Protein backbone atom coordinates (compact mmCIF):
# COMPACT_ATOMS: atom_id res chain seq x y z
CA UNK A 1 -120.57 -72.77 -133.35
CA UNK A 2 -121.85 -69.34 -134.34
CA UNK A 3 -118.88 -67.10 -135.16
CA UNK A 4 -119.03 -63.48 -133.97
CA UNK A 5 -116.36 -61.02 -135.11
CA UNK A 6 -115.93 -57.95 -132.90
CA UNK A 7 -114.45 -54.53 -133.57
CA UNK A 8 -111.79 -54.44 -130.85
CA UNK A 9 -110.35 -51.03 -131.72
CA UNK A 10 -111.73 -49.57 -128.43
CA UNK A 11 -109.70 -52.16 -126.45
CA UNK A 12 -106.90 -49.86 -125.29
CA UNK A 13 -109.13 -47.02 -124.08
CA UNK A 14 -108.68 -46.94 -120.29
CA UNK A 15 -112.26 -46.17 -119.35
CA UNK A 16 -115.62 -45.62 -121.05
CA UNK A 17 -116.17 -47.71 -124.16
CA UNK A 18 -112.78 -49.43 -123.72
CA UNK A 19 -113.74 -50.79 -120.32
CA UNK A 20 -117.14 -51.79 -121.71
CA UNK A 21 -115.53 -53.69 -124.60
CA UNK A 22 -112.97 -55.54 -122.48
CA UNK A 23 -115.40 -56.59 -119.77
CA UNK A 24 -118.20 -57.59 -122.12
CA UNK A 25 -115.86 -59.65 -124.32
CA UNK A 26 -114.39 -61.40 -121.26
CA UNK A 27 -117.89 -62.23 -120.00
CA UNK A 28 -118.99 -63.47 -123.44
CA UNK A 29 -115.88 -65.64 -123.80
CA UNK A 30 -116.45 -67.20 -120.36
CA UNK A 31 -119.95 -68.40 -121.29
CA UNK A 32 -120.75 -71.70 -123.00
CA UNK A 33 -123.61 -70.55 -125.19
CA UNK A 34 -122.69 -71.77 -128.67
CA UNK A 35 -120.70 -68.74 -129.78
CA UNK A 36 -117.04 -68.30 -130.67
CA UNK A 37 -115.38 -64.90 -130.98
CA UNK A 38 -112.70 -63.18 -133.04
CA UNK A 39 -111.37 -59.73 -132.12
CA UNK A 40 -110.33 -57.36 -134.89
CA UNK A 41 -107.71 -54.94 -133.54
CA UNK A 42 -106.45 -51.85 -135.32
CA UNK A 43 -103.00 -52.41 -133.78
CA UNK A 44 -101.54 -55.16 -131.61
CA UNK A 45 -103.13 -55.02 -128.12
CA UNK A 46 -101.07 -54.33 -125.03
CA UNK A 47 -103.85 -55.39 -122.66
CA UNK A 48 -104.53 -59.13 -122.19
CA UNK A 49 -107.07 -60.92 -124.37
CA UNK A 50 -109.33 -63.66 -122.91
CA UNK A 51 -108.35 -67.28 -123.56
CA UNK A 52 -110.11 -68.94 -126.46
CA UNK A 53 -110.66 -65.71 -128.40
CA UNK A 54 -108.96 -65.31 -131.79
CA UNK A 55 -107.15 -62.06 -132.58
CA UNK A 56 -106.69 -60.36 -135.94
CA UNK A 57 -104.51 -57.26 -136.43
CA UNK A 58 -105.59 -54.89 -139.20
CA UNK A 59 -102.49 -52.69 -139.01
CA UNK A 60 -104.04 -49.20 -138.98
CA UNK A 61 -101.67 -46.24 -138.96
CA UNK A 62 -103.49 -44.51 -136.06
CA UNK A 63 -105.09 -46.52 -133.29
CA UNK A 64 -108.54 -45.74 -131.93
CA UNK A 65 -106.93 -45.00 -128.56
CA UNK A 66 -104.68 -42.36 -130.15
CA UNK A 67 -107.52 -40.96 -132.21
CA UNK A 68 -109.63 -40.31 -129.11
CA UNK A 69 -106.90 -38.20 -127.47
CA UNK A 70 -106.14 -34.55 -128.01
CA UNK A 71 -106.70 -33.29 -131.55
CA UNK A 72 -105.92 -36.55 -133.36
CA UNK A 73 -108.40 -38.50 -135.45
CA UNK A 74 -108.60 -41.59 -137.65
CA UNK A 75 -108.29 -40.83 -141.34
CA UNK A 76 -110.06 -42.49 -144.25
CA UNK A 77 -107.09 -44.81 -144.81
CA UNK A 78 -107.38 -46.20 -141.27
CA UNK A 79 -111.12 -46.76 -141.66
CA UNK A 80 -110.56 -48.51 -144.99
CA UNK A 81 -107.85 -50.70 -143.44
CA UNK A 82 -110.28 -51.84 -140.75
CA UNK A 83 -113.08 -52.34 -143.29
CA UNK A 84 -110.90 -54.50 -145.56
CA UNK A 85 -109.74 -56.62 -142.63
CA UNK A 86 -113.34 -57.10 -141.42
CA UNK A 87 -114.44 -58.18 -144.90
CA UNK A 88 -111.86 -60.99 -144.89
CA UNK A 89 -113.22 -62.53 -141.68
CA UNK A 90 -115.52 -65.49 -142.32
CA UNK A 91 -118.04 -64.77 -139.57
CA UNK A 92 -121.79 -65.08 -139.07
CA UNK A 93 -122.20 -61.63 -137.50
CA UNK A 94 -120.10 -58.51 -136.91
CA UNK A 95 -120.42 -56.65 -133.61
CA UNK A 96 -119.39 -53.06 -132.94
CA UNK A 97 -119.21 -52.49 -129.14
CA UNK A 98 -119.26 -48.71 -129.68
CA UNK A 99 -120.52 -46.62 -132.57
CA UNK A 100 -117.66 -44.27 -131.67
CA UNK A 101 -115.21 -46.63 -133.39
CA UNK A 102 -117.56 -47.66 -136.23
CA UNK A 103 -116.18 -48.15 -139.75
CA UNK A 104 -118.17 -49.26 -142.82
CA UNK A 105 -118.77 -52.98 -143.15
CA UNK A 106 -117.95 -53.94 -146.74
CA UNK A 107 -119.86 -57.22 -146.66
CA UNK A 108 -123.47 -58.36 -146.66
CA UNK A 109 -123.76 -59.90 -143.21
CA UNK A 110 -125.75 -59.19 -140.04
CA UNK A 111 -124.34 -56.51 -137.76
CA UNK A 112 -125.06 -55.31 -134.22
CA UNK A 113 -123.95 -51.77 -133.33
CA UNK A 114 -123.93 -50.48 -129.74
CA UNK A 115 -124.98 -46.83 -129.38
CA UNK A 116 -124.12 -46.07 -125.76
CA UNK A 117 -125.98 -42.75 -125.70
CA UNK A 118 -127.12 -39.77 -127.75
CA UNK A 119 -125.03 -37.20 -125.89
CA UNK A 120 -123.39 -35.85 -129.10
CA UNK A 121 -126.83 -35.21 -130.59
CA UNK A 122 -128.22 -33.74 -127.37
CA UNK A 123 -125.26 -31.41 -126.65
CA UNK A 124 -123.43 -30.81 -129.95
CA UNK A 125 -122.07 -27.44 -128.78
CA UNK A 126 -120.47 -29.11 -125.74
CA UNK A 127 -119.08 -32.11 -127.61
CA UNK A 128 -117.75 -30.86 -130.96
CA UNK A 129 -115.25 -28.01 -131.39
CA UNK A 130 -116.25 -27.41 -135.03
CA UNK A 131 -119.30 -27.94 -137.25
CA UNK A 132 -117.19 -30.22 -139.43
CA UNK A 133 -116.70 -32.60 -136.48
CA UNK A 134 -120.46 -32.66 -135.95
CA UNK A 135 -121.24 -33.34 -139.61
CA UNK A 136 -118.72 -36.19 -139.79
CA UNK A 137 -120.22 -37.72 -136.64
CA UNK A 138 -123.74 -37.47 -138.05
CA UNK A 139 -122.67 -39.09 -141.32
CA UNK A 140 -121.01 -41.97 -139.47
CA UNK A 141 -124.07 -42.56 -137.28
CA UNK A 142 -126.42 -42.54 -140.26
CA UNK A 143 -124.34 -45.21 -142.01
CA UNK A 144 -124.08 -47.25 -138.80
CA UNK A 145 -127.87 -47.17 -138.39
CA UNK A 146 -128.33 -48.29 -141.99
CA UNK A 147 -125.94 -51.24 -141.61
CA UNK A 148 -127.14 -52.33 -138.17
CA UNK A 149 -129.42 -55.34 -138.17
CA UNK A 150 -129.96 -54.69 -134.45
CA UNK A 151 -129.04 -51.65 -132.36
CA UNK A 152 -127.74 -52.32 -128.86
CA UNK A 153 -127.67 -49.89 -125.95
CA UNK A 154 -127.05 -49.95 -122.20
CA UNK A 155 -130.05 -48.39 -120.47
CA UNK A 156 -133.73 -47.74 -120.93
CA UNK A 157 -133.00 -44.01 -120.96
CA UNK A 158 -130.64 -44.45 -123.90
CA UNK A 159 -133.15 -46.66 -125.73
CA UNK A 160 -135.77 -43.93 -125.39
CA UNK A 161 -133.30 -41.36 -126.74
CA UNK A 162 -132.33 -43.57 -129.67
CA UNK A 163 -135.98 -43.73 -130.70
CA UNK A 164 -136.82 -40.09 -130.00
CA UNK A 165 -133.62 -38.41 -131.23
CA UNK A 166 -132.10 -40.84 -133.76
CA UNK A 167 -135.44 -42.32 -134.88
CA UNK A 168 -134.39 -45.94 -134.39
CA UNK A 169 -137.56 -48.06 -134.11
CA UNK A 170 -137.91 -49.40 -130.58
CA UNK A 171 -138.37 -52.96 -131.82
CA UNK A 172 -134.86 -52.84 -133.35
CA UNK A 173 -133.21 -51.90 -130.03
CA UNK A 174 -131.82 -54.37 -127.50
CA UNK A 175 -130.89 -53.18 -123.99
CA UNK A 176 -128.04 -54.86 -122.13
CA UNK A 177 -126.32 -53.76 -118.92
CA UNK A 178 -122.89 -53.18 -117.43
CA UNK A 179 -121.15 -54.32 -114.27
CA UNK A 180 -118.29 -53.32 -112.00
CA UNK A 181 -115.05 -55.25 -111.84
CA UNK A 182 -114.28 -57.42 -108.84
CA UNK A 183 -111.70 -54.97 -107.50
CA UNK A 184 -114.52 -52.55 -106.66
CA UNK A 185 -115.74 -53.92 -103.32
CA UNK A 186 -115.87 -52.73 -99.69
CA UNK A 187 -112.48 -52.46 -98.01
CA UNK A 188 -112.42 -52.88 -94.23
CA UNK A 189 -108.68 -52.22 -93.72
CA UNK A 190 -108.41 -48.90 -91.82
CA UNK A 191 -104.65 -48.71 -92.38
CA UNK A 192 -105.05 -49.01 -96.16
CA UNK A 193 -107.76 -46.38 -96.23
CA UNK A 194 -105.60 -44.05 -94.11
CA UNK A 195 -102.62 -44.54 -96.44
CA UNK A 196 -104.84 -43.83 -99.43
CA UNK A 197 -106.00 -40.53 -97.97
CA UNK A 198 -102.43 -39.62 -97.03
CA UNK A 199 -101.23 -40.32 -100.59
CA UNK A 200 -103.46 -37.52 -101.88
CA UNK A 201 -102.96 -35.10 -99.01
CA UNK A 202 -106.41 -35.67 -97.51
CA UNK A 203 -106.58 -35.31 -93.70
CA UNK A 204 -107.65 -38.49 -91.87
CA UNK A 205 -110.92 -37.10 -90.49
CA UNK A 206 -111.88 -34.77 -93.33
CA UNK A 207 -115.19 -35.53 -95.09
CA UNK A 208 -114.22 -36.69 -98.60
CA UNK A 209 -116.06 -36.30 -101.89
CA UNK A 210 -114.80 -37.95 -105.07
CA UNK A 211 -115.50 -37.16 -108.71
CA UNK A 212 -114.50 -39.90 -111.16
CA UNK A 213 -114.72 -39.68 -114.93
CA UNK A 214 -113.92 -37.52 -117.92
CA UNK A 215 -113.64 -33.76 -118.24
CA UNK A 216 -115.66 -33.07 -121.35
CA UNK A 217 -118.03 -30.18 -120.87
CA UNK A 218 -121.19 -32.25 -120.54
CA UNK A 219 -119.64 -33.93 -117.48
CA UNK A 220 -120.40 -30.63 -115.73
CA UNK A 221 -117.47 -30.82 -113.30
CA UNK A 222 -117.24 -27.04 -113.28
CA UNK A 223 -120.63 -26.88 -111.53
CA UNK A 224 -119.28 -29.15 -108.78
CA UNK A 225 -116.25 -26.91 -108.27
CA UNK A 226 -118.50 -23.84 -108.24
CA UNK A 227 -120.59 -25.47 -105.47
CA UNK A 228 -117.59 -25.94 -103.17
CA UNK A 229 -117.73 -22.50 -101.45
CA UNK A 230 -121.34 -23.18 -100.40
CA UNK A 231 -120.37 -26.63 -99.12
CA UNK A 232 -117.31 -25.31 -97.30
CA UNK A 233 -119.44 -22.68 -95.55
CA UNK A 234 -121.33 -25.51 -93.79
CA UNK A 235 -118.65 -28.24 -93.71
CA UNK A 236 -115.31 -26.38 -93.57
CA UNK A 237 -113.08 -29.48 -93.50
CA UNK A 238 -114.52 -31.14 -96.62
CA UNK A 239 -112.16 -32.23 -99.41
CA UNK A 240 -112.88 -32.98 -103.06
CA UNK A 241 -110.70 -35.43 -105.02
CA UNK A 242 -111.15 -35.11 -108.80
CA UNK A 243 -110.00 -38.34 -110.47
CA UNK A 244 -109.22 -38.64 -114.16
CA UNK A 245 -106.72 -37.69 -116.81
CA UNK A 246 -106.07 -34.00 -116.19
CA UNK A 247 -103.39 -33.41 -118.82
CA UNK A 248 -105.86 -31.87 -121.26
CA UNK A 249 -105.22 -34.72 -123.72
CA UNK A 250 -108.86 -35.63 -124.26
CA UNK A 251 -111.03 -34.59 -127.19
CA UNK A 252 -112.10 -31.01 -126.42
CA UNK A 253 -112.14 -31.25 -122.63
CA UNK A 254 -112.09 -28.22 -120.31
CA UNK A 255 -109.40 -29.18 -117.81
CA UNK A 256 -107.83 -25.72 -117.82
CA UNK A 257 -111.17 -24.10 -116.91
CA UNK A 258 -111.61 -26.59 -114.08
CA UNK A 259 -108.15 -25.96 -112.65
CA UNK A 260 -108.62 -22.20 -112.89
CA UNK A 261 -111.93 -22.39 -111.03
CA UNK A 262 -110.45 -24.66 -108.37
CA UNK A 263 -107.68 -22.11 -107.77
CA UNK A 264 -110.02 -19.10 -107.78
CA UNK A 265 -109.87 -18.60 -104.01
CA UNK A 266 -107.86 -19.91 -101.08
CA UNK A 267 -110.65 -22.07 -99.66
CA UNK A 268 -111.25 -23.92 -102.90
CA UNK A 269 -107.56 -24.19 -103.65
CA UNK A 270 -106.93 -25.89 -100.31
CA UNK A 271 -109.93 -28.21 -100.51
CA UNK A 272 -109.67 -29.60 -104.08
CA UNK A 273 -107.05 -32.04 -105.37
CA UNK A 274 -106.66 -33.30 -108.95
CA UNK A 275 -105.31 -36.82 -108.56
CA UNK A 276 -104.77 -37.66 -112.22
CA UNK A 277 -105.52 -41.19 -113.36
CA UNK A 278 -105.45 -43.90 -110.70
CA UNK A 279 -105.09 -47.65 -111.19
CA UNK A 280 -108.14 -49.65 -110.17
CA UNK A 281 -106.89 -51.07 -106.81
CA UNK A 282 -105.94 -47.59 -105.56
CA UNK A 283 -109.13 -46.15 -107.05
CA UNK A 284 -111.24 -48.71 -105.18
CA UNK A 285 -109.45 -47.77 -101.94
CA UNK A 286 -110.09 -44.07 -102.56
CA UNK A 287 -113.79 -44.72 -103.21
CA UNK A 288 -113.99 -46.76 -100.00
CA UNK A 289 -112.29 -43.94 -98.10
CA UNK A 290 -114.81 -41.43 -99.44
CA UNK A 291 -118.12 -40.31 -98.01
CA UNK A 292 -119.69 -40.05 -101.47
CA UNK A 293 -119.09 -40.01 -105.19
CA UNK A 294 -120.46 -36.82 -106.75
CA UNK A 295 -121.65 -37.26 -110.35
CA UNK A 296 -122.95 -33.95 -111.76
CA UNK A 297 -123.14 -35.03 -115.43
CA UNK A 298 -125.74 -33.36 -117.64
CA UNK A 299 -126.44 -36.74 -119.24
CA UNK A 300 -125.14 -40.30 -119.21
CA UNK A 301 -125.89 -43.41 -121.22
CA UNK A 302 -125.17 -45.58 -118.17
CA UNK A 303 -122.78 -44.09 -115.60
CA UNK A 304 -120.22 -46.77 -114.77
CA UNK A 305 -118.38 -44.68 -112.12
CA UNK A 306 -121.61 -44.58 -110.11
CA UNK A 307 -121.86 -48.38 -110.19
CA UNK A 308 -118.19 -48.76 -109.24
CA UNK A 309 -118.70 -46.48 -106.23
CA UNK A 310 -121.87 -48.29 -105.11
CA UNK A 311 -120.03 -51.62 -105.41
CA UNK A 312 -117.62 -50.23 -102.80
CA UNK A 313 -120.53 -49.28 -100.56
CA UNK A 314 -120.07 -45.58 -101.32
CA UNK A 315 -123.26 -43.54 -101.83
CA UNK A 316 -123.68 -41.48 -104.99
CA UNK A 317 -124.76 -37.84 -105.10
CA UNK A 318 -126.15 -37.85 -108.59
CA UNK A 319 -127.52 -35.66 -111.31
CA UNK A 320 -131.20 -36.41 -111.85
CA UNK A 321 -130.77 -36.64 -115.64
CA UNK A 322 -130.38 -39.41 -118.21
CA UNK A 323 -129.70 -42.96 -117.10
CA UNK A 324 -128.34 -42.06 -113.65
CA UNK A 325 -131.59 -42.48 -111.65
CA UNK A 326 -132.06 -45.81 -113.46
CA UNK A 327 -128.61 -47.00 -112.35
CA UNK A 328 -128.26 -45.40 -108.90
CA UNK A 329 -131.80 -46.17 -107.73
CA UNK A 330 -132.03 -45.73 -103.97
CA UNK A 331 -128.24 -45.85 -103.55
CA UNK A 332 -127.89 -42.09 -103.49
CA UNK A 333 -129.41 -38.62 -103.51
CA UNK A 334 -130.28 -36.51 -106.56
CA UNK A 335 -129.94 -32.89 -107.62
CA UNK A 336 -130.58 -30.65 -110.61
CA UNK A 337 -127.15 -30.53 -112.35
CA UNK A 338 -127.78 -26.98 -113.54
CA UNK A 339 -127.96 -25.70 -109.96
CA UNK A 340 -124.85 -25.43 -107.77
CA UNK A 341 -127.20 -24.64 -104.86
CA UNK A 342 -129.11 -27.90 -105.32
CA UNK A 343 -125.84 -29.83 -105.55
CA UNK A 344 -124.46 -28.18 -102.40
CA UNK A 345 -127.69 -28.85 -100.49
CA UNK A 346 -127.50 -32.60 -101.12
CA UNK A 347 -123.80 -32.77 -100.24
CA UNK A 348 -124.39 -30.91 -96.97
CA UNK A 349 -127.35 -33.13 -96.18
CA UNK A 350 -125.32 -36.33 -96.70
CA UNK A 351 -122.43 -35.07 -94.59
CA UNK A 352 -124.52 -33.71 -91.70
CA UNK A 353 -127.73 -35.74 -91.38
CA UNK A 354 -127.21 -38.48 -88.77
CA UNK A 355 -127.34 -42.02 -90.15
CA UNK A 356 -128.02 -40.98 -93.75
CA UNK A 357 -124.65 -41.99 -95.18
CA UNK A 358 -124.77 -45.39 -93.50
CA UNK A 359 -128.30 -46.05 -94.75
CA UNK A 360 -127.41 -45.07 -98.32
CA UNK A 361 -124.25 -47.17 -98.18
CA UNK A 362 -126.27 -50.33 -97.46
CA UNK A 363 -128.72 -49.48 -100.23
CA UNK A 364 -125.87 -48.74 -102.64
CA UNK A 365 -124.34 -52.19 -102.09
CA UNK A 366 -127.69 -53.88 -102.60
CA UNK A 367 -128.35 -51.86 -105.74
CA UNK A 368 -124.92 -52.64 -107.21
CA UNK A 369 -125.51 -56.36 -106.74
CA UNK A 370 -128.36 -56.24 -109.30
CA UNK A 371 -125.87 -55.47 -112.12
CA UNK A 372 -123.14 -57.62 -113.63
CA UNK A 373 -121.15 -58.34 -116.78
CA UNK A 374 -122.43 -61.92 -117.02
CA UNK A 375 -125.97 -60.55 -117.12
CA UNK A 376 -124.84 -58.08 -119.78
CA UNK A 377 -123.25 -60.88 -121.82
CA UNK A 378 -126.42 -62.99 -121.65
CA UNK A 379 -128.47 -60.05 -122.92
CA UNK A 380 -125.90 -59.38 -125.67
CA UNK A 381 -126.20 -63.00 -126.83
CA UNK A 382 -129.93 -62.44 -127.15
CA UNK A 383 -129.24 -59.44 -129.39
CA UNK A 384 -126.90 -61.54 -131.56
CA UNK A 385 -129.53 -64.26 -131.92
CA UNK A 386 -132.21 -61.77 -132.93
CA UNK A 387 -129.86 -60.27 -135.52
CA UNK A 388 -129.24 -63.76 -136.90
CA UNK A 389 -132.96 -64.56 -136.91
CA UNK A 390 -132.58 -67.38 -134.38
CA UNK A 391 -134.03 -65.73 -131.27
CA UNK A 392 -136.82 -63.49 -130.03
């Protein structure tokens, strides 16, 4: 069997590239396609590993999960520890599920590197607190491009950016896809939905908007909060639940700015709740209890929260940038993310136009059904074969 070793240092990350890594590996391991897999962890995993997958622990001093929080980072010693451990693995190909966690591969063997997006290159001033951070990122990406036999990404929009911004030839890029987990599905239990609203102080009949994701500046959550007075003027009972880690422990996020804006006046203060992180079953219930997910991001490489919401039958009010129109399709409405007026207009339309929410809900479910991790795994296998010279 063809042996694929995988950088599993993103494994413990709760969302984003961690969720991508865990779900893709599980889908790959479940397939009978002539591959076997070994996961190289920086530290011993606390989350379960699929059956039949080998695990190797490098023993880094700082884990990737720690390094992506607050002001911490992986040092050269940690990168070298991972590189030495990878070199000792007798594999046919090495796979990096995220360039974010890339370390140099000290061996002459095929490699596939997944670049999820080019957001750091597109918005360096929003992503990096110092020029040094930017230069280190650029150096890492240059080396990753040099070592990559094939470059993987997760949307056509990201593939176009990789060619236009990072100058990766289009014939070296393979596009796969993502999926939502089974927990994200329609919930028809009124009592559960009522308890979910009650848990976050949301009145039973209040129109409910949800934001789900990170709080880095390019996520543009501040624009959503700024749009709330315009929305409240037309729909006074509306509530906004902002879901995600709000402790300020992410790399250069702007949680304090968001909380200050939310508390700027009495109307906003009473209509916005920061829920913190929510486990998936409760998150699925909150999405099902909502009228819409609002996703105002300036750019996304895929937009998994949008797919999770649509899988629950919840329409998406989406930025019209990046990969989001490609993912959301006809399962939502779009707005210019630079305009709070445009955002407010689409929210008011969804909440007041008869039959619109129900129509978009049906379309959202149908759209979500076209994605899936098994499909993503099949496409990833194609990328591996091309890197090995055994596929087209």
